[in-house]
Protein backbone atom coordinates (compact mmCIF):
# COMPACT_ATOMS: atom_id res chain seq x y z
CA MET A 1 -0.07 -0.13 0.29
CA SER A 2 1.17 3.44 -1.08
CA THR A 3 1.61 5.88 1.77
CA ARG A 4 0.42 9.63 1.30
CA GLU A 5 0.40 11.99 4.25
CA LEU A 6 1.38 15.02 5.76
CA VAL A 7 4.13 14.96 8.71
CA VAL A 8 3.82 18.40 10.50
CA LEU A 9 7.12 19.52 11.82
CA GLY A 10 6.37 22.85 13.22
CA THR A 11 3.47 25.27 12.74
CA ALA A 12 5.02 28.57 14.04
CA SER A 13 5.29 31.91 12.13
CA GLN A 14 8.28 33.93 12.68
CA VAL A 15 8.81 33.24 16.48
CA PRO A 16 8.58 29.68 17.88
CA THR A 17 6.52 29.35 21.06
CA ARG A 18 6.80 26.68 23.77
CA THR A 19 4.45 24.59 21.78
CA ARG A 20 5.03 25.30 18.21
CA ASN A 21 8.29 24.90 16.47
CA HIS A 22 9.51 26.89 13.29
CA ASN A 23 7.85 25.63 10.21
CA GLY A 24 8.62 22.38 8.52
CA TYR A 25 6.42 19.73 6.74
CA LEU A 26 7.19 16.48 5.18
CA LEU A 27 4.98 15.22 2.45
CA ARG A 28 5.00 11.50 2.12
CA TRP A 29 4.20 10.60 -1.32
CA ASP A 30 4.57 6.96 -2.14
CA GLY A 31 8.40 6.50 -2.17
CA GLU A 32 8.95 10.31 -2.20
CA GLY A 33 9.79 12.58 0.42
CA PHE A 34 9.33 16.27 -0.01
CA LEU A 35 10.23 18.35 2.83
CA PHE A 36 8.86 21.87 2.44
CA ASP A 37 10.36 25.03 4.41
CA PRO A 38 12.34 23.54 7.18
CA GLY A 39 12.60 26.42 9.85
CA ASP A 40 15.09 26.46 12.82
CA GLY A 41 14.77 22.92 14.87
CA ALA A 42 13.87 20.84 11.89
CA GLN A 43 16.39 18.07 12.29
CA ARG A 44 15.14 17.56 15.79
CA GLN A 45 11.55 17.74 14.91
CA LEU A 46 12.27 15.07 12.42
CA LEU A 47 13.69 12.77 15.04
CA LEU A 48 10.34 13.26 17.25
CA ALA A 49 8.17 12.72 14.25
CA GLY A 50 10.07 9.45 13.43
CA VAL A 51 11.32 10.45 10.15
CA ALA A 52 14.44 9.03 9.03
CA ALA A 53 16.87 11.59 7.07
CA SER A 54 16.64 9.16 4.18
CA ASP A 55 13.07 9.69 3.61
CA ILE A 56 13.65 12.98 2.24
CA THR A 57 14.33 13.21 -1.60
CA ARG A 58 13.20 16.64 -2.33
CA ILE A 59 13.79 20.12 -0.22
CA CYS A 60 11.11 22.82 -1.39
CA LEU A 61 11.65 26.25 -0.09
CA THR A 62 9.13 28.90 -0.90
CA HIS A 63 11.40 31.76 0.16
CA PHE A 64 14.52 32.92 2.42
CA HIS A 65 12.97 34.16 5.76
CA GLY A 66 14.33 32.46 8.47
CA ASP A 67 11.52 30.80 9.87
CA HIS A 68 11.09 28.92 6.30
CA CYS A 69 14.87 28.12 5.78
CA LEU A 70 16.99 27.90 9.01
CA GLY A 71 16.77 24.36 9.33
CA VAL A 72 18.42 23.51 5.94
CA PRO A 73 22.10 23.42 7.55
CA GLY A 74 21.05 20.82 10.11
CA VAL A 75 18.88 18.63 7.83
CA VAL A 76 21.54 18.48 4.91
CA GLN A 77 24.19 17.87 7.36
CA ARG A 78 22.34 15.16 9.09
CA MET A 79 21.65 13.63 5.53
CA SER A 80 25.52 13.51 4.85
CA LEU A 81 26.25 12.04 8.43
CA ASP A 82 23.68 9.14 7.61
CA ARG A 83 25.23 8.79 4.09
CA VAL A 84 21.69 9.21 2.39
CA PRO A 85 22.58 7.22 -0.98
CA HIS A 86 20.21 8.87 -3.41
CA PRO A 87 20.18 12.38 -4.48
CA VAL A 88 18.17 15.19 -3.05
CA HIS A 89 17.02 17.83 -5.36
CA ALA A 90 16.47 21.38 -3.72
CA HIS A 91 14.05 23.79 -5.00
CA TYR A 92 14.13 27.62 -4.37
CA PRO A 93 13.68 31.00 -5.48
CA ALA A 94 16.58 31.55 -8.01
CA SER A 95 16.91 35.17 -6.74
CA GLY A 96 18.11 33.62 -3.21
CA ALA A 97 20.77 31.21 -4.52
CA HIS A 98 23.08 33.32 -2.70
CA PHE A 99 21.06 32.41 0.70
CA PHE A 100 20.94 28.66 -0.20
CA GLN A 101 24.81 28.58 -0.50
CA ARG A 102 25.35 30.06 2.69
CA LEU A 103 22.85 27.54 4.39
CA ARG A 104 24.22 24.53 2.37
CA HIS A 105 27.75 25.25 3.88
CA ALA A 106 26.92 26.92 6.86
CA SER A 107 29.50 25.03 8.93
CA SER A 108 32.59 22.66 8.47
CA PHE A 109 31.30 19.11 8.02
CA HIS A 110 32.29 16.02 5.81
CA ASP A 111 30.06 16.54 2.92
CA VAL A 112 29.11 13.32 1.39
CA VAL A 113 25.55 14.05 0.33
CA ASP A 114 24.39 14.73 -3.32
CA VAL A 115 22.49 17.75 -3.28
CA ARG A 116 21.15 18.99 -6.57
CA GLU A 117 20.12 22.45 -7.01
CA VAL A 118 16.97 23.37 -9.05
CA PRO A 119 16.39 27.11 -8.25
CA VAL A 120 12.96 28.52 -9.74
CA ALA A 121 12.90 31.51 -11.56
CA ARG A 122 9.42 31.63 -12.97
CA ASP A 123 5.86 29.86 -12.89
CA GLY A 124 5.75 26.42 -14.13
CA VAL A 125 6.88 22.76 -13.91
CA VAL A 126 10.21 22.28 -11.83
CA ALA A 127 10.22 18.50 -11.75
CA GLU A 128 8.71 15.32 -13.23
CA GLY A 129 8.91 12.02 -12.07
CA GLY A 130 6.84 8.88 -11.05
CA PHE A 131 5.16 11.03 -8.58
CA GLY A 132 3.56 13.13 -11.09
CA VAL A 133 4.57 16.98 -11.70
CA LEU A 134 5.74 19.61 -9.36
CA GLU A 135 4.77 23.08 -10.44
CA ALA A 136 5.48 26.62 -8.74
CA ARG A 137 3.64 29.82 -8.85
CA ALA A 138 4.75 33.16 -7.88
CA LEU A 139 3.21 34.51 -4.61
CA ASP A 140 2.77 37.99 -3.15
CA HIS A 141 5.02 38.65 -0.09
CA PRO A 142 7.75 41.25 0.44
CA LEU A 143 10.30 38.79 -0.69
CA GLU A 144 10.23 36.66 -3.80
CA THR A 145 8.26 33.68 -2.71
CA PHE A 146 6.87 30.49 -4.74
CA GLY A 147 4.11 28.02 -3.84
CA TYR A 148 4.10 24.58 -5.09
CA ARG A 149 1.50 22.05 -6.56
CA LEU A 150 2.15 18.22 -6.79
CA VAL A 151 -0.13 16.89 -9.52
CA GLU A 152 -0.60 13.33 -10.22
CA PRO A 153 -1.51 12.23 -13.67
CA ASP A 154 -4.95 10.98 -14.27
CA GLY A 155 -5.44 7.16 -14.47
CA ARG A 156 -7.85 4.43 -14.57
CA ARG A 157 -9.20 2.31 -11.68
CA MET A 158 -10.31 -1.25 -12.27
CA VAL A 159 -13.76 -2.16 -11.30
CA PRO A 160 -14.15 -5.75 -9.65
CA GLU A 161 -17.93 -6.36 -10.95
CA LEU A 162 -16.47 -5.31 -14.42
CA LEU A 163 -13.84 -7.47 -14.56
CA ALA A 164 -15.67 -10.62 -13.24
CA ARG A 165 -18.26 -9.96 -16.06
CA HIS A 166 -15.33 -10.36 -18.58
CA GLY A 167 -13.90 -13.28 -16.66
CA ILE A 168 -10.73 -11.28 -15.81
CA SER A 169 -8.84 -12.22 -12.82
CA GLY A 170 -4.95 -12.62 -11.40
CA PRO A 171 -1.96 -12.07 -13.34
CA ARG A 172 -4.37 -11.31 -16.25
CA VAL A 173 -5.70 -7.81 -14.57
CA ARG A 174 -2.25 -6.32 -14.61
CA GLN A 175 -1.91 -7.59 -18.50
CA VAL A 176 -4.93 -5.65 -19.32
CA LEU A 177 -3.72 -2.62 -17.36
CA GLU A 178 -0.47 -2.47 -19.12
CA GLU A 179 -1.80 -3.15 -22.48
CA GLY A 180 -4.78 -0.82 -22.17
CA GLY A 181 -7.08 -0.35 -25.12
CA PRO A 182 -10.79 -1.23 -25.35
CA LEU A 183 -10.81 -4.06 -22.91
CA LEU A 184 -9.18 -1.84 -20.32
CA ALA A 185 -12.05 0.87 -20.68
CA ALA A 186 -14.53 -1.97 -20.56
CA VAL A 187 -13.26 -3.21 -16.89
CA SER A 188 -12.16 0.04 -15.57
CA GLU A 189 -13.67 3.91 -14.88
CA PRO A 190 -11.57 7.03 -14.70
CA ARG A 191 -9.37 7.89 -11.98
CA PRO A 192 -8.43 11.56 -11.48
CA GLY A 193 -4.72 12.04 -10.29
CA GLN A 194 -4.45 13.49 -6.60
CA ARG A 195 -3.21 17.20 -6.26
CA PHE A 196 -1.59 18.53 -3.38
CA ALA A 197 -0.81 22.22 -2.99
CA PHE A 198 1.62 24.30 -0.66
CA VAL A 199 1.27 28.04 -0.06
CA MET A 200 3.05 30.04 2.41
CA ASP A 201 3.39 33.81 3.31
CA THR A 202 1.60 35.45 0.67
CA ARG A 203 -1.26 37.83 0.17
CA LEU A 204 -4.30 36.88 -1.92
CA CYS A 205 -3.22 36.65 -5.54
CA ASP A 206 -3.75 34.87 -8.79
CA GLY A 207 -0.97 32.09 -7.78
CA VAL A 208 -2.92 31.21 -4.54
CA PHE A 209 -5.96 30.36 -6.37
CA GLU A 210 -4.14 28.43 -9.30
CA LEU A 211 -2.05 26.34 -6.84
CA ALA A 212 -4.83 25.40 -4.70
CA ASP A 213 -7.18 24.44 -8.02
CA ARG A 214 -9.05 21.32 -7.11
CA ALA A 215 -6.28 20.17 -4.41
CA ASP A 216 -7.21 17.07 -2.49
CA MET A 217 -5.00 18.85 0.23
CA LEU A 218 -4.15 22.33 0.62
CA VAL A 219 -1.44 23.33 3.16
CA ILE A 220 -1.88 27.15 3.80
CA GLU A 221 -0.65 29.84 5.93
CA SER A 222 -3.17 31.49 8.03
CA THR A 223 -0.90 33.81 9.94
CA TYR A 224 -3.88 35.92 11.28
CA LEU A 225 -7.12 36.06 12.43
CA HIS A 226 -10.11 38.14 10.47
CA ALA A 227 -9.94 41.03 13.20
CA ASP A 228 -6.28 41.61 12.08
CA GLU A 229 -6.66 41.53 8.38
CA ARG A 230 -5.11 44.91 8.04
CA LEU A 231 -1.67 43.42 9.61
CA ALA A 232 -2.09 40.41 7.22
CA VAL A 233 -2.23 42.98 4.12
CA GLU A 234 0.48 45.01 5.51
CA HIS A 235 2.79 42.18 6.16
CA GLY A 236 2.03 39.93 3.26
CA HIS A 237 -0.01 37.31 4.98
CA LEU A 238 -3.43 35.52 4.94
CA THR A 239 -6.16 35.28 7.40
CA ALA A 240 -7.86 31.92 8.07
CA ARG A 241 -11.00 33.41 6.58
CA GLN A 242 -9.26 34.18 3.51
CA ALA A 243 -7.39 30.73 3.34
CA ALA A 244 -11.05 29.24 3.80
CA ARG A 245 -12.13 31.18 0.97
CA VAL A 246 -9.65 29.94 -1.22
CA ALA A 247 -10.46 26.62 -0.32
CA ALA A 248 -14.08 27.00 -1.00
CA GLU A 249 -13.56 28.63 -4.00
CA CYS A 250 -11.37 26.37 -5.49
CA GLY A 251 -12.94 22.83 -4.65
CA VAL A 252 -10.45 21.93 -2.05
CA ARG A 253 -11.02 18.75 -0.11
CA THR A 254 -8.99 18.97 3.09
CA LEU A 255 -7.58 22.04 4.20
CA VAL A 256 -4.77 22.47 6.56
CA LEU A 257 -4.17 25.74 8.34
CA THR A 258 -0.75 26.40 9.73
CA HIS A 259 1.92 29.29 10.46
CA PHE A 260 -0.05 30.67 13.26
CA SER A 261 1.12 33.81 14.88
CA GLN A 262 2.44 33.97 18.43
CA ARG A 263 -0.20 36.59 19.33
CA TYR A 264 -2.73 33.80 19.44
CA ALA A 265 -3.24 31.54 22.43
CA ASP A 266 -6.50 29.57 21.17
CA PRO A 267 -5.76 27.47 17.73
CA GLY A 268 -9.62 27.03 18.05
CA ALA A 269 -10.21 30.12 16.88
CA PHE A 270 -8.74 29.59 13.53
CA ARG A 271 -11.26 26.55 12.98
CA ALA A 272 -14.30 28.18 13.84
CA GLU A 273 -13.40 31.21 11.47
CA ALA A 274 -12.34 28.81 8.73
CA GLU A 275 -15.48 26.77 9.21
CA GLU A 276 -17.72 29.88 8.73
CA VAL A 277 -16.53 29.87 4.86
CA PHE A 278 -15.45 26.51 3.90
CA GLY A 279 -17.67 23.28 4.39
CA GLY A 280 -14.87 20.47 3.94
CA GLU A 281 -12.48 19.05 6.30
CA VAL A 282 -10.71 21.71 8.15
CA VAL A 283 -7.35 20.73 10.10
CA VAL A 284 -5.78 23.12 12.29
CA ALA A 285 -2.03 21.59 12.38
CA ALA A 286 -0.11 21.15 15.55
CA ASP A 287 3.46 20.15 15.74
CA LEU A 288 3.96 16.36 14.98
CA ASP A 289 0.56 16.07 13.35
CA ARG A 290 0.04 13.59 10.72
CA VAL A 291 -2.53 13.92 8.30
CA ARG A 292 -3.49 11.63 5.41
CA VAL A 293 -4.07 12.80 2.13
CA PRO A 294 -7.76 11.88 1.41
CA ARG A 295 -8.47 8.84 -0.42
CA ARG A 296 -10.15 9.05 -3.66
CA SER A 297 -14.09 8.36 -3.74
CA PRO A 298 -15.15 5.63 -6.10
CA GLY A 299 -15.80 7.22 -9.51
CA GLY A 300 -13.57 10.27 -8.86
CA ARG A 301 -13.45 13.21 -6.67
């Protein structure tokens, strides 16, 4: 069975608290591990979450504010210490390449990890593989920022009743799937690919809505509550209500709110505000949470 889940490493914006570490999110997607925005303390949070350095196959940074990238040195050095055998691709805004170099080589260590840098300079596809397509979109923040979206190709799902009707079972099922053609169409139904979106540090803009479009899971910052919307606009952030509006308008299935300002003591306020606007599943992320990407319902979304 493949695993698709979000492991939350940290949920604080700018300043960590007694209960919230700096940002950090690992998306387990079958055999891939996408590490998004590892802030300070990410290496320890990985340990607490039971995530091995070898689980990471890609590092995706939205921008170079410290709460989204100061964990890079520890994570990279831990991967080197553990002699991670596979290449690790690093995606980040191209304008911050000098910051990544400083983080990548922040101190002396025996560097044996194969980190392959893939700077992001514009909207579009940044990687393709068995996982699907990884895309980036520019966001609206004082510092150049990109959000990411993972899109799985559409496929087909075998229908047991139709297989039985055509007398197909055992190894023949795989053969039909590989061969395709009219017989495959007769014993299967369309299976839309899953979508995951990651949006941090931004005002509302076209890029937010493009990333969130029909996402099965949207991980999105909700730094402020609606009462402080003026501060959100001034500092280039979203409120919980705005994040929920995006989810509602874009057909999102599971909304994961995170990146909370330390000014708020009650996380329940974010849920209450979001549920006024969005009728789907709302998750107010807490450190070390595990959130499964929702399963497809029979016949599609």
